[in-house]
Structures are given as structure tokens and as C-alpha cells.
Amino acid sequence: WIGVVISFVLLVAVMIPGVGIEVNGSRRW
């Protein structure tokens, strides 16, 4: 459950400008 919750939070955080790092037009990091 910790992995699932952290995954959801981080995957949503990636979409936030300034938090997610954009490389070659894609924000994945």
C-alpha cells in the first residue's frame, strides 16, 4: 500500500510544472 500511494502521489506530482522535469517535450521525471 505504501508503494501504491507513493506511486500515485509521485505520478500526479510529475504533472505539476516546476516539480516534474520536462525533457524533450515530455514530463516524466
mmCIF file of all heavy atoms, coordinates in Angstrom:
data_MODEL
# 
_entry.id   MODEL 
# 
loop_
_atom_site.group_PDB 
_atom_site.id 
_atom_site.type_symbol 
_atom_site.label_atom_id 
_atom_site.label_alt_id 
_atom_site.label_comp_id 
_atom_site.label_asym_id 
_atom_site.label_entity_id 
_atom_site.label_seq_id 
_atom_site.pdbx_PDB_ins_code 
_atom_site.Cartn_x 
_atom_site.Cartn_y 
_atom_site.Cartn_z 
_atom_site.occupancy 
_atom_site.B_iso_or_equiv 
_atom_site.pdbx_formal_charge 
_atom_site.auth_seq_id 
_atom_site.auth_comp_id 
_atom_site.auth_asym_id 
_atom_site.auth_atom_id 
_atom_site.pdbx_PDB_model_num 
ATOM 1   N N   . TRP A 1 1  ? 0.821  -1.212 0.000   1.00 0.00 ? 1  TRP A N   1 
ATOM 2   C CA  . TRP A 1 1  ? 0.000  0.000  0.000   1.00 0.00 ? 1  TRP A CA  1 
ATOM 3   C C   . TRP A 1 1  ? 0.854  1.260  0.000   1.00 0.00 ? 1  TRP A C   1 
ATOM 4   O O   . TRP A 1 1  ? 0.488  2.267  -0.601  1.00 0.00 ? 1  TRP A O   1 
ATOM 5   C CB  . TRP A 1 1  ? -0.983 -0.015 1.167   1.00 0.00 ? 1  TRP A CB  1 
ATOM 6   C CG  . TRP A 1 1  ? -0.317 0.016  2.503   1.00 0.00 ? 1  TRP A CG  1 
ATOM 7   C CD1 . TRP A 1 1  ? 0.150  -1.043 3.240   1.00 0.00 ? 1  TRP A CD1 1 
ATOM 8   C CD2 . TRP A 1 1  ? -0.012 1.179  3.268   1.00 0.00 ? 1  TRP A CD2 1 
ATOM 9   N NE1 . TRP A 1 1  ? 0.720  -0.609 4.402   1.00 0.00 ? 1  TRP A NE1 1 
ATOM 10  C CE2 . TRP A 1 1  ? 0.624  0.757  4.448   1.00 0.00 ? 1  TRP A CE2 1 
ATOM 11  C CE3 . TRP A 1 1  ? -0.222 2.534  3.072   1.00 0.00 ? 1  TRP A CE3 1 
ATOM 12  C CZ2 . TRP A 1 1  ? 1.068  1.641  5.417   1.00 0.00 ? 1  TRP A CZ2 1 
ATOM 13  C CZ3 . TRP A 1 1  ? 0.212  3.423  4.048   1.00 0.00 ? 1  TRP A CZ3 1 
ATOM 14  C CH2 . TRP A 1 1  ? 0.847  2.965  5.205   1.00 0.00 ? 1  TRP A CH2 1 
ATOM 15  N N   . ILE A 1 2  ? 2.009  1.214  0.644   1.00 0.00 ? 2  ILE A N   1 
ATOM 16  C CA  . ILE A 1 2  ? 2.906  2.367  0.642   1.00 0.00 ? 2  ILE A CA  1 
ATOM 17  C C   . ILE A 1 2  ? 3.383  2.639  -0.788  1.00 0.00 ? 2  ILE A C   1 
ATOM 18  O O   . ILE A 1 2  ? 3.390  3.779  -1.240  1.00 0.00 ? 2  ILE A O   1 
ATOM 19  C CB  . ILE A 1 2  ? 4.107  2.132  1.587   1.00 0.00 ? 2  ILE A CB  1 
ATOM 20  C CG1 . ILE A 1 2  ? 3.623  2.043  3.033   1.00 0.00 ? 2  ILE A CG1 1 
ATOM 21  C CG2 . ILE A 1 2  ? 5.141  3.240  1.440   1.00 0.00 ? 2  ILE A CG2 1 
ATOM 22  C CD1 . ILE A 1 2  ? 4.701  1.606  4.009   1.00 0.00 ? 2  ILE A CD1 1 
ATOM 23  N N   . GLY A 1 3  ? 3.764  1.586  -1.494  1.00 0.00 ? 3  GLY A N   1 
ATOM 24  C CA  . GLY A 1 3  ? 4.217  1.743  -2.878  1.00 0.00 ? 3  GLY A CA  1 
ATOM 25  C C   . GLY A 1 3  ? 3.138  2.295  -3.786  1.00 0.00 ? 3  GLY A C   1 
ATOM 26  O O   . GLY A 1 3  ? 3.404  3.159  -4.626  1.00 0.00 ? 3  GLY A O   1 
ATOM 27  N N   . VAL A 1 4  ? 1.905  1.805  -3.618  1.00 0.00 ? 4  VAL A N   1 
ATOM 28  C CA  . VAL A 1 4  ? 0.800  2.275  -4.459  1.00 0.00 ? 4  VAL A CA  1 
ATOM 29  C C   . VAL A 1 4  ? 0.500  3.749  -4.170  1.00 0.00 ? 4  VAL A C   1 
ATOM 30  O O   . VAL A 1 4  ? 0.370  4.562  -5.095  1.00 0.00 ? 4  VAL A O   1 
ATOM 31  C CB  . VAL A 1 4  ? -0.461 1.400  -4.260  1.00 0.00 ? 4  VAL A CB  1 
ATOM 32  C CG1 . VAL A 1 4  ? -1.668 2.020  -4.942  1.00 0.00 ? 4  VAL A CG1 1 
ATOM 33  C CG2 . VAL A 1 4  ? -0.217 -0.003 -4.789  1.00 0.00 ? 4  VAL A CG2 1 
ATOM 34  N N   . VAL A 1 5  ? 0.432  4.122  -2.908  1.00 0.00 ? 5  VAL A N   1 
ATOM 35  C CA  . VAL A 1 5  ? 0.123  5.513  -2.544  1.00 0.00 ? 5  VAL A CA  1 
ATOM 36  C C   . VAL A 1 5  ? 1.235  6.452  -3.015  1.00 0.00 ? 5  VAL A C   1 
ATOM 37  O O   . VAL A 1 5  ? 0.966  7.488  -3.640  1.00 0.00 ? 5  VAL A O   1 
ATOM 38  C CB  . VAL A 1 5  ? -0.098 5.647  -1.018  1.00 0.00 ? 5  VAL A CB  1 
ATOM 39  C CG1 . VAL A 1 5  ? -0.157 7.105  -0.584  1.00 0.00 ? 5  VAL A CG1 1 
ATOM 40  C CG2 . VAL A 1 5  ? -1.365 4.923  -0.600  1.00 0.00 ? 5  VAL A CG2 1 
ATOM 41  N N   . ILE A 1 6  ? 2.486  6.087  -2.751  1.00 0.00 ? 6  ILE A N   1 
ATOM 42  C CA  . ILE A 1 6  ? 3.607  6.936  -3.175  1.00 0.00 ? 6  ILE A CA  1 
ATOM 43  C C   . ILE A 1 6  ? 3.640  7.039  -4.699  1.00 0.00 ? 6  ILE A C   1 
ATOM 44  O O   . ILE A 1 6  ? 3.894  8.113  -5.250  1.00 0.00 ? 6  ILE A O   1 
ATOM 45  C CB  . ILE A 1 6  ? 4.943  6.408  -2.613  1.00 0.00 ? 6  ILE A CB  1 
ATOM 46  C CG1 . ILE A 1 6  ? 4.980  6.629  -1.100  1.00 0.00 ? 6  ILE A CG1 1 
ATOM 47  C CG2 . ILE A 1 6  ? 6.127  7.086  -3.280  1.00 0.00 ? 6  ILE A CG2 1 
ATOM 48  C CD1 . ILE A 1 6  ? 6.179  6.008  -0.407  1.00 0.00 ? 6  ILE A CD1 1 
ATOM 49  N N   . SER A 1 7  ? 3.358  5.943  -5.389  1.00 0.00 ? 7  SER A N   1 
ATOM 50  C CA  . SER A 1 7  ? 3.336  5.972  -6.858  1.00 0.00 ? 7  SER A CA  1 
ATOM 51  C C   . SER A 1 7  ? 2.279  6.945  -7.364  1.00 0.00 ? 7  SER A C   1 
ATOM 52  O O   . SER A 1 7  ? 2.543  7.761  -8.264  1.00 0.00 ? 7  SER A O   1 
ATOM 53  C CB  . SER A 1 7  ? 3.069  4.579  -7.423  1.00 0.00 ? 7  SER A CB  1 
ATOM 54  O OG  . SER A 1 7  ? 4.128  3.724  -7.143  1.00 0.00 ? 7  SER A OG  1 
ATOM 55  N N   . PHE A 1 8  ? 1.068  6.861  -6.815  1.00 0.00 ? 8  PHE A N   1 
ATOM 56  C CA  . PHE A 1 8  ? 0.003  7.788  -7.225  1.00 0.00 ? 8  PHE A CA  1 
ATOM 57  C C   . PHE A 1 8  ? 0.423  9.234  -6.983  1.00 0.00 ? 8  PHE A C   1 
ATOM 58  O O   . PHE A 1 8  ? 0.282  10.083 -7.858  1.00 0.00 ? 8  PHE A O   1 
ATOM 59  C CB  . PHE A 1 8  ? -1.306 7.502  -6.471  1.00 0.00 ? 8  PHE A CB  1 
ATOM 60  C CG  . PHE A 1 8  ? -2.202 6.521  -7.154  1.00 0.00 ? 8  PHE A CG  1 
ATOM 61  C CD1 . PHE A 1 8  ? -2.455 5.286  -6.583  1.00 0.00 ? 8  PHE A CD1 1 
ATOM 62  C CD2 . PHE A 1 8  ? -2.812 6.824  -8.357  1.00 0.00 ? 8  PHE A CD2 1 
ATOM 63  C CE1 . PHE A 1 8  ? -3.282 4.369  -7.194  1.00 0.00 ? 8  PHE A CE1 1 
ATOM 64  C CE2 . PHE A 1 8  ? -3.650 5.913  -8.987  1.00 0.00 ? 8  PHE A CE2 1 
ATOM 65  C CZ  . PHE A 1 8  ? -3.880 4.680  -8.402  1.00 0.00 ? 8  PHE A CZ  1 
ATOM 66  N N   . VAL A 1 9  ? 0.951  9.521  -5.803  1.00 0.00 ? 9  VAL A N   1 
ATOM 67  C CA  . VAL A 1 9  ? 1.343  10.892 -5.459  1.00 0.00 ? 9  VAL A CA  1 
ATOM 68  C C   . VAL A 1 9  ? 2.438  11.396 -6.405  1.00 0.00 ? 9  VAL A C   1 
ATOM 69  O O   . VAL A 1 9  ? 2.352  12.507 -6.930  1.00 0.00 ? 9  VAL A O   1 
ATOM 70  C CB  . VAL A 1 9  ? 1.806  10.972 -3.980  1.00 0.00 ? 9  VAL A CB  1 
ATOM 71  C CG1 . VAL A 1 9  ? 2.466  12.306 -3.672  1.00 0.00 ? 9  VAL A CG1 1 
ATOM 72  C CG2 . VAL A 1 9  ? 0.629  10.728 -3.046  1.00 0.00 ? 9  VAL A CG2 1 
ATOM 73  N N   . LEU A 1 10 ? 3.471  10.569 -6.631  1.00 0.00 ? 10 LEU A N   1 
ATOM 74  C CA  . LEU A 1 10 ? 4.571  11.000 -7.499  1.00 0.00 ? 10 LEU A CA  1 
ATOM 75  C C   . LEU A 1 10 ? 4.138  11.141 -8.954  1.00 0.00 ? 10 LEU A C   1 
ATOM 76  O O   . LEU A 1 10 ? 4.591  12.055 -9.652  1.00 0.00 ? 10 LEU A O   1 
ATOM 77  C CB  . LEU A 1 10 ? 5.745  10.027 -7.385  1.00 0.00 ? 10 LEU A CB  1 
ATOM 78  C CG  . LEU A 1 10 ? 6.499  10.040 -6.058  1.00 0.00 ? 10 LEU A CG  1 
ATOM 79  C CD1 . LEU A 1 10 ? 7.582  8.975  -6.049  1.00 0.00 ? 10 LEU A CD1 1 
ATOM 80  C CD2 . LEU A 1 10 ? 7.087  11.420 -5.771  1.00 0.00 ? 10 LEU A CD2 1 
ATOM 81  N N   . LEU A 1 11 ? 3.256  10.256 -9.413  1.00 0.00 ? 11 LEU A N   1 
ATOM 82  C CA  . LEU A 1 11 ? 2.783  10.357 -10.798 1.00 0.00 ? 11 LEU A CA  1 
ATOM 83  C C   . LEU A 1 11 ? 1.937  11.607 -11.010 1.00 0.00 ? 11 LEU A C   1 
ATOM 84  O O   . LEU A 1 11 ? 1.952  12.198 -12.092 1.00 0.00 ? 11 LEU A O   1 
ATOM 85  C CB  . LEU A 1 11 ? 2.010  9.098  -11.196 1.00 0.00 ? 11 LEU A CB  1 
ATOM 86  C CG  . LEU A 1 11 ? 2.879  7.859  -11.408 1.00 0.00 ? 11 LEU A CG  1 
ATOM 87  C CD1 . LEU A 1 11 ? 2.009  6.603  -11.499 1.00 0.00 ? 11 LEU A CD1 1 
ATOM 88  C CD2 . LEU A 1 11 ? 3.756  7.999  -12.633 1.00 0.00 ? 11 LEU A CD2 1 
ATOM 89  N N   . VAL A 1 12 ? 1.215  12.032 -9.988  1.00 0.00 ? 12 VAL A N   1 
ATOM 90  C CA  . VAL A 1 12 ? 0.462  13.295 -10.080 1.00 0.00 ? 12 VAL A CA  1 
ATOM 91  C C   . VAL A 1 12 ? 1.436  14.471 -9.971  1.00 0.00 ? 12 VAL A C   1 
ATOM 92  O O   . VAL A 1 12 ? 1.318  15.452 -10.708 1.00 0.00 ? 12 VAL A O   1 
ATOM 93  C CB  . VAL A 1 12 ? -0.623 13.357 -8.986  1.00 0.00 ? 12 VAL A CB  1 
ATOM 94  C CG1 . VAL A 1 12 ? -1.228 14.747 -8.896  1.00 0.00 ? 12 VAL A CG1 1 
ATOM 95  C CG2 . VAL A 1 12 ? -1.709 12.324 -9.260  1.00 0.00 ? 12 VAL A CG2 1 
ATOM 96  N N   . ALA A 1 13 ? 2.429  14.365 -9.086  1.00 0.00 ? 13 ALA A N   1 
ATOM 97  C CA  . ALA A 1 13 ? 3.401  15.445 -8.906  1.00 0.00 ? 13 ALA A CA  1 
ATOM 98  C C   . ALA A 1 13 ? 4.199  15.721 -10.174 1.00 0.00 ? 13 ALA A C   1 
ATOM 99  O O   . ALA A 1 13 ? 4.568  16.871 -10.437 1.00 0.00 ? 13 ALA A O   1 
ATOM 100 C CB  . ALA A 1 13 ? 4.347  15.110 -7.751  1.00 0.00 ? 13 ALA A CB  1 
ATOM 101 N N   . VAL A 1 14 ? 4.452  14.697 -10.960 1.00 0.00 ? 14 VAL A N   1 
ATOM 102 C CA  . VAL A 1 14 ? 5.204  14.864 -12.206 1.00 0.00 ? 14 VAL A CA  1 
ATOM 103 C C   . VAL A 1 14 ? 4.497  15.848 -13.133 1.00 0.00 ? 14 VAL A C   1 
ATOM 104 O O   . VAL A 1 14 ? 5.138  16.590 -13.874 1.00 0.00 ? 14 VAL A O   1 
ATOM 105 C CB  . VAL A 1 14 ? 5.386  13.493 -12.910 1.00 0.00 ? 14 VAL A CB  1 
ATOM 106 C CG1 . VAL A 1 14 ? 5.769  13.658 -14.361 1.00 0.00 ? 14 VAL A CG1 1 
ATOM 107 C CG2 . VAL A 1 14 ? 6.444  12.683 -12.204 1.00 0.00 ? 14 VAL A CG2 1 
ATOM 108 N N   . MET A 1 15 ? 3.179  15.878 -13.085 1.00 0.00 ? 15 MET A N   1 
ATOM 109 C CA  . MET A 1 15 ? 2.410  16.739 -13.988 1.00 0.00 ? 15 MET A CA  1 
ATOM 110 C C   . MET A 1 15 ? 2.411  18.208 -13.563 1.00 0.00 ? 15 MET A C   1 
ATOM 111 O O   . MET A 1 15 ? 2.015  19.076 -14.335 1.00 0.00 ? 15 MET A O   1 
ATOM 112 C CB  . MET A 1 15 ? 0.974  16.234 -14.072 1.00 0.00 ? 15 MET A CB  1 
ATOM 113 C CG  . MET A 1 15 ? 0.863  14.887 -14.745 1.00 0.00 ? 15 MET A CG  1 
ATOM 114 S SD  . MET A 1 15 ? -0.827 14.378 -14.899 1.00 0.00 ? 15 MET A SD  1 
ATOM 115 C CE  . MET A 1 15 ? -0.915 13.167 -13.598 1.00 0.00 ? 15 MET A CE  1 
ATOM 116 N N   . ILE A 1 16 ? 2.865  18.488 -12.357 1.00 0.00 ? 16 ILE A N   1 
ATOM 117 C CA  . ILE A 1 16 ? 2.870  19.861 -11.844 1.00 0.00 ? 16 ILE A CA  1 
ATOM 118 C C   . ILE A 1 16 ? 4.103  20.590 -12.375 1.00 0.00 ? 16 ILE A C   1 
ATOM 119 O O   . ILE A 1 16 ? 5.229  20.158 -12.122 1.00 0.00 ? 16 ILE A O   1 
ATOM 120 C CB  . ILE A 1 16 ? 2.874  19.869 -10.300 1.00 0.00 ? 16 ILE A CB  1 
ATOM 121 C CG1 . ILE A 1 16 ? 1.630  19.161 -9.766  1.00 0.00 ? 16 ILE A CG1 1 
ATOM 122 C CG2 . ILE A 1 16 ? 2.968  21.301 -9.764  1.00 0.00 ? 16 ILE A CG2 1 
ATOM 123 C CD1 . ILE A 1 16 ? 1.648  18.920 -8.275  1.00 0.00 ? 16 ILE A CD1 1 
ATOM 124 N N   . PRO A 1 17 ? 3.894  21.693 -13.124 1.00 0.00 ? 17 PRO A N   1 
ATOM 125 C CA  . PRO A 1 17 ? 5.044  22.453 -13.618 1.00 0.00 ? 17 PRO A CA  1 
ATOM 126 C C   . PRO A 1 17 ? 5.904  22.937 -12.445 1.00 0.00 ? 17 PRO A C   1 
ATOM 127 O O   . PRO A 1 17 ? 5.398  23.391 -11.428 1.00 0.00 ? 17 PRO A O   1 
ATOM 128 C CB  . PRO A 1 17 ? 4.411  23.637 -14.359 1.00 0.00 ? 17 PRO A CB  1 
ATOM 129 C CG  . PRO A 1 17 ? 3.035  23.161 -14.701 1.00 0.00 ? 17 PRO A CG  1 
ATOM 130 C CD  . PRO A 1 17 ? 2.631  22.249 -13.576 1.00 0.00 ? 17 PRO A CD  1 
ATOM 131 N N   . GLY A 1 18 ? 7.194  22.800 -12.600 1.00 0.00 ? 18 GLY A N   1 
ATOM 132 C CA  . GLY A 1 18 ? 8.110  23.181 -11.535 1.00 0.00 ? 18 GLY A CA  1 
ATOM 133 C C   . GLY A 1 18 ? 8.513  22.002 -10.663 1.00 0.00 ? 18 GLY A C   1 
ATOM 134 O O   . GLY A 1 18 ? 9.561  22.011 -10.041 1.00 0.00 ? 18 GLY A O   1 
ATOM 135 N N   . VAL A 1 19 ? 7.675  20.985 -10.618 1.00 0.00 ? 19 VAL A N   1 
ATOM 136 C CA  . VAL A 1 19 ? 8.001  19.768 -9.860  1.00 0.00 ? 19 VAL A CA  1 
ATOM 137 C C   . VAL A 1 19 ? 8.493  18.711 -10.836 1.00 0.00 ? 19 VAL A C   1 
ATOM 138 O O   . VAL A 1 19 ? 9.567  18.138 -10.662 1.00 0.00 ? 19 VAL A O   1 
ATOM 139 C CB  . VAL A 1 19 ? 6.783  19.244 -9.061  1.00 0.00 ? 19 VAL A CB  1 
ATOM 140 C CG1 . VAL A 1 19 ? 7.121  17.938 -8.359  1.00 0.00 ? 19 VAL A CG1 1 
ATOM 141 C CG2 . VAL A 1 19 ? 6.326  20.281 -8.050  1.00 0.00 ? 19 VAL A CG2 1 
ATOM 142 N N   . GLY A 1 20 ? 7.685  18.451 -11.859 1.00 0.00 ? 20 GLY A N   1 
ATOM 143 C CA  . GLY A 1 20 ? 8.089  17.488 -12.885 1.00 0.00 ? 20 GLY A CA  1 
ATOM 144 C C   . GLY A 1 20 ? 9.110  18.109 -13.823 1.00 0.00 ? 20 GLY A C   1 
ATOM 145 O O   . GLY A 1 20 ? 9.006  19.279 -14.184 1.00 0.00 ? 20 GLY A O   1 
ATOM 146 N N   . ILE A 1 21 ? 10.100 17.332 -14.193 1.00 0.00 ? 21 ILE A N   1 
ATOM 147 C CA  . ILE A 1 21 ? 11.156 17.817 -15.080 1.00 0.00 ? 21 ILE A CA  1 
ATOM 148 C C   . ILE A 1 21 ? 10.806 17.414 -16.514 1.00 0.00 ? 21 ILE A C   1 
ATOM 149 O O   . ILE A 1 21 ? 10.557 16.248 -16.788 1.00 0.00 ? 21 ILE A O   1 
ATOM 150 C CB  . ILE A 1 21 ? 12.522 17.222 -14.678 1.00 0.00 ? 21 ILE A CB  1 
ATOM 151 C CG1 . ILE A 1 21 ? 12.875 17.656 -13.263 1.00 0.00 ? 21 ILE A CG1 1 
ATOM 152 C CG2 . ILE A 1 21 ? 13.596 17.634 -15.668 1.00 0.00 ? 21 ILE A CG2 1 
ATOM 153 C CD1 . ILE A 1 21 ? 14.087 16.962 -12.698 1.00 0.00 ? 21 ILE A CD1 1 
ATOM 154 N N   . GLU A 1 22 ? 10.810 18.415 -17.386 1.00 0.00 ? 22 GLU A N   1 
ATOM 155 C CA  . GLU A 1 22 ? 10.478 18.166 -18.788 1.00 0.00 ? 22 GLU A CA  1 
ATOM 156 C C   . GLU A 1 22 ? 11.756 17.978 -19.600 1.00 0.00 ? 22 GLU A C   1 
ATOM 157 O O   . GLU A 1 22 ? 12.672 18.788 -19.533 1.00 0.00 ? 22 GLU A O   1 
ATOM 158 C CB  . GLU A 1 22 ? 9.666  19.325 -19.354 1.00 0.00 ? 22 GLU A CB  1 
ATOM 159 C CG  . GLU A 1 22 ? 9.156  19.065 -20.746 1.00 0.00 ? 22 GLU A CG  1 
ATOM 160 C CD  . GLU A 1 22 ? 8.213  20.150 -21.220 1.00 0.00 ? 22 GLU A CD  1 
ATOM 161 O OE1 . GLU A 1 22 ? 7.526  20.758 -20.381 1.00 0.00 ? 22 GLU A OE1 1 
ATOM 162 O OE2 . GLU A 1 22 ? 8.179  20.379 -22.436 1.00 0.00 ? 22 GLU A OE2 1 
ATOM 163 N N   . VAL A 1 23 ? 11.798 16.878 -20.332 1.00 0.00 ? 23 VAL A N   1 
ATOM 164 C CA  . VAL A 1 23 ? 12.934 16.588 -21.211 1.00 0.00 ? 23 VAL A CA  1 
ATOM 165 C C   . VAL A 1 23 ? 12.366 16.181 -22.567 1.00 0.00 ? 23 VAL A C   1 
ATOM 166 O O   . VAL A 1 23 ? 11.522 15.293 -22.644 1.00 0.00 ? 23 VAL A O   1 
ATOM 167 C CB  . VAL A 1 23 ? 13.812 15.447 -20.642 1.00 0.00 ? 23 VAL A CB  1 
ATOM 168 C CG1 . VAL A 1 23 ? 14.924 15.087 -21.605 1.00 0.00 ? 23 VAL A CG1 1 
ATOM 169 C CG2 . VAL A 1 23 ? 14.380 15.835 -19.284 1.00 0.00 ? 23 VAL A CG2 1 
ATOM 170 N N   . ASN A 1 24 ? 12.819 16.843 -23.616 1.00 0.00 ? 24 ASN A N   1 
ATOM 171 C CA  . ASN A 1 24 ? 12.362 16.566 -24.978 1.00 0.00 ? 24 ASN A CA  1 
ATOM 172 C C   . ASN A 1 24 ? 10.849 16.607 -25.106 1.00 0.00 ? 24 ASN A C   1 
ATOM 173 O O   . ASN A 1 24 ? 10.237 15.770 -25.764 1.00 0.00 ? 24 ASN A O   1 
ATOM 174 C CB  . ASN A 1 24 ? 12.899 15.219 -25.469 1.00 0.00 ? 24 ASN A CB  1 
ATOM 175 C CG  . ASN A 1 24 ? 14.404 15.202 -25.587 1.00 0.00 ? 24 ASN A CG  1 
ATOM 176 O OD1 . ASN A 1 24 ? 15.003 16.234 -25.853 1.00 0.00 ? 24 ASN A OD1 1 
ATOM 177 N ND2 . ASN A 1 24 ? 15.004 14.052 -25.365 1.00 0.00 ? 24 ASN A ND2 1 
ATOM 178 N N   . GLY A 1 25 ? 10.215 17.557 -24.443 1.00 0.00 ? 25 GLY A N   1 
ATOM 179 C CA  . GLY A 1 25 ? 8.781  17.748 -24.552 1.00 0.00 ? 25 GLY A CA  1 
ATOM 180 C C   . GLY A 1 25 ? 7.932  16.810 -23.717 1.00 0.00 ? 25 GLY A C   1 
ATOM 181 O O   . GLY A 1 25 ? 6.718  16.823 -23.803 1.00 0.00 ? 25 GLY A O   1 
ATOM 182 N N   . SER A 1 26 ? 8.561  15.993 -22.898 1.00 0.00 ? 26 SER A N   1 
ATOM 183 C CA  . SER A 1 26 ? 7.816  15.045 -22.079 1.00 0.00 ? 26 SER A CA  1 
ATOM 184 C C   . SER A 1 26 ? 8.185  15.222 -20.609 1.00 0.00 ? 26 SER A C   1 
ATOM 185 O O   . SER A 1 26 ? 9.351  15.296 -20.253 1.00 0.00 ? 26 SER A O   1 
ATOM 186 C CB  . SER A 1 26 ? 8.141  13.617 -22.526 1.00 0.00 ? 26 SER A CB  1 
ATOM 187 O OG  . SER A 1 26 ? 7.350  12.707 -21.839 1.00 0.00 ? 26 SER A OG  1 
ATOM 188 N N   . ARG A 1 27 ? 7.170  15.284 -19.767 1.00 0.00 ? 27 ARG A N   1 
ATOM 189 C CA  . ARG A 1 27 ? 7.381  15.496 -18.339 1.00 0.00 ? 27 ARG A CA  1 
ATOM 190 C C   . ARG A 1 27 ? 7.217  14.149 -17.623 1.00 0.00 ? 27 ARG A C   1 
ATOM 191 O O   . ARG A 1 27 ? 6.109  13.727 -17.310 1.00 0.00 ? 27 ARG A O   1 
ATOM 192 C CB  . ARG A 1 27 ? 6.360  16.504 -17.832 1.00 0.00 ? 27 ARG A CB  1 
ATOM 193 C CG  . ARG A 1 27 ? 6.616  17.013 -16.450 1.00 0.00 ? 27 ARG A CG  1 
ATOM 194 C CD  . ARG A 1 27 ? 5.544  17.991 -16.017 1.00 0.00 ? 27 ARG A CD  1 
ATOM 195 N NE  . ARG A 1 27 ? 5.305  19.055 -16.972 1.00 0.00 ? 27 ARG A NE  1 
ATOM 196 C CZ  . ARG A 1 27 ? 5.934  20.227 -16.967 1.00 0.00 ? 27 ARG A CZ  1 
ATOM 197 N NH1 . ARG A 1 27 ? 6.836  20.483 -16.070 1.00 0.00 ? 27 ARG A NH1 1 
ATOM 198 N NH2 . ARG A 1 27 ? 5.646  21.142 -17.866 1.00 0.00 ? 27 ARG A NH2 1 
ATOM 199 N N   . ARG A 1 28 ? 8.337  13.465 -17.370 1.00 0.00 ? 28 ARG A N   1 
ATOM 200 C CA  . ARG A 1 28 ? 8.305  12.126 -16.784 1.00 0.00 ? 28 ARG A CA  1 
ATOM 201 C C   . ARG A 1 28 ? 9.146  11.982 -15.531 1.00 0.00 ? 28 ARG A C   1 
ATOM 202 O O   . ARG A 1 28 ? 9.112  10.951 -14.885 1.00 0.00 ? 28 ARG A O   1 
ATOM 203 C CB  . ARG A 1 28 ? 8.838  11.097 -17.782 1.00 0.00 ? 28 ARG A CB  1 
ATOM 204 C CG  . ARG A 1 28 ? 8.059  10.981 -19.042 1.00 0.00 ? 28 ARG A CG  1 
ATOM 205 C CD  . ARG A 1 28 ? 8.680  9.939  -19.930 1.00 0.00 ? 28 ARG A CD  1 
ATOM 206 N NE  . ARG A 1 28 ? 8.068  9.979  -21.236 1.00 0.00 ? 28 ARG A NE  1 
ATOM 207 C CZ  . ARG A 1 28 ? 8.539  9.361  -22.294 1.00 0.00 ? 28 ARG A CZ  1 
ATOM 208 N NH1 . ARG A 1 28 ? 9.627  8.648  -22.205 1.00 0.00 ? 28 ARG A NH1 1 
ATOM 209 N NH2 . ARG A 1 28 ? 7.922  9.453  -23.453 1.00 0.00 ? 28 ARG A NH2 1 
ATOM 210 N N   . TRP A 1 29 ? 9.935  12.966 -15.193 1.00 0.00 ? 29 TRP A N   1 
ATOM 211 C CA  . TRP A 1 29 ? 10.913 12.815 -14.127 1.00 0.00 ? 29 TRP A CA  1 
ATOM 212 C C   . TRP A 1 29 ? 10.665 13.778 -12.984 1.00 0.00 ? 29 TRP A C   1 
ATOM 213 O O   . TRP A 1 29 ? 10.103 14.847 -13.148 1.00 0.00 ? 29 TRP A O   1 
ATOM 214 C CB  . TRP A 1 29 ? 12.323 13.057 -14.662 1.00 0.00 ? 29 TRP A CB  1 
ATOM 215 C CG  . TRP A 1 29 ? 12.757 12.038 -15.653 1.00 0.00 ? 29 TRP A CG  1 
ATOM 216 C CD1 . TRP A 1 29 ? 13.423 10.881 -15.402 1.00 0.00 ? 29 TRP A CD1 1 
ATOM 217 C CD2 . TRP A 1 29 ? 12.532 12.061 -17.060 1.00 0.00 ? 29 TRP A CD2 1 
ATOM 218 N NE1 . TRP A 1 29 ? 13.628 10.182 -16.566 1.00 0.00 ? 29 TRP A NE1 1 
ATOM 219 C CE2 . TRP A 1 29 ? 13.102 10.892 -17.602 1.00 0.00 ? 29 TRP A CE2 1 
ATOM 220 C CE3 . TRP A 1 29 ? 11.920 12.952 -17.916 1.00 0.00 ? 29 TRP A CE3 1 
ATOM 221 C CZ2 . TRP A 1 29 ? 13.066 10.600 -18.950 1.00 0.00 ? 29 TRP A CZ2 1 
ATOM 222 C CZ3 . TRP A 1 29 ? 11.881 12.667 -19.263 1.00 0.00 ? 29 TRP A CZ3 1 
ATOM 223 C CH2 . TRP A 1 29 ? 12.443 11.498 -19.768 1.00 0.00 ? 29 TRP A CH2 1 
# 
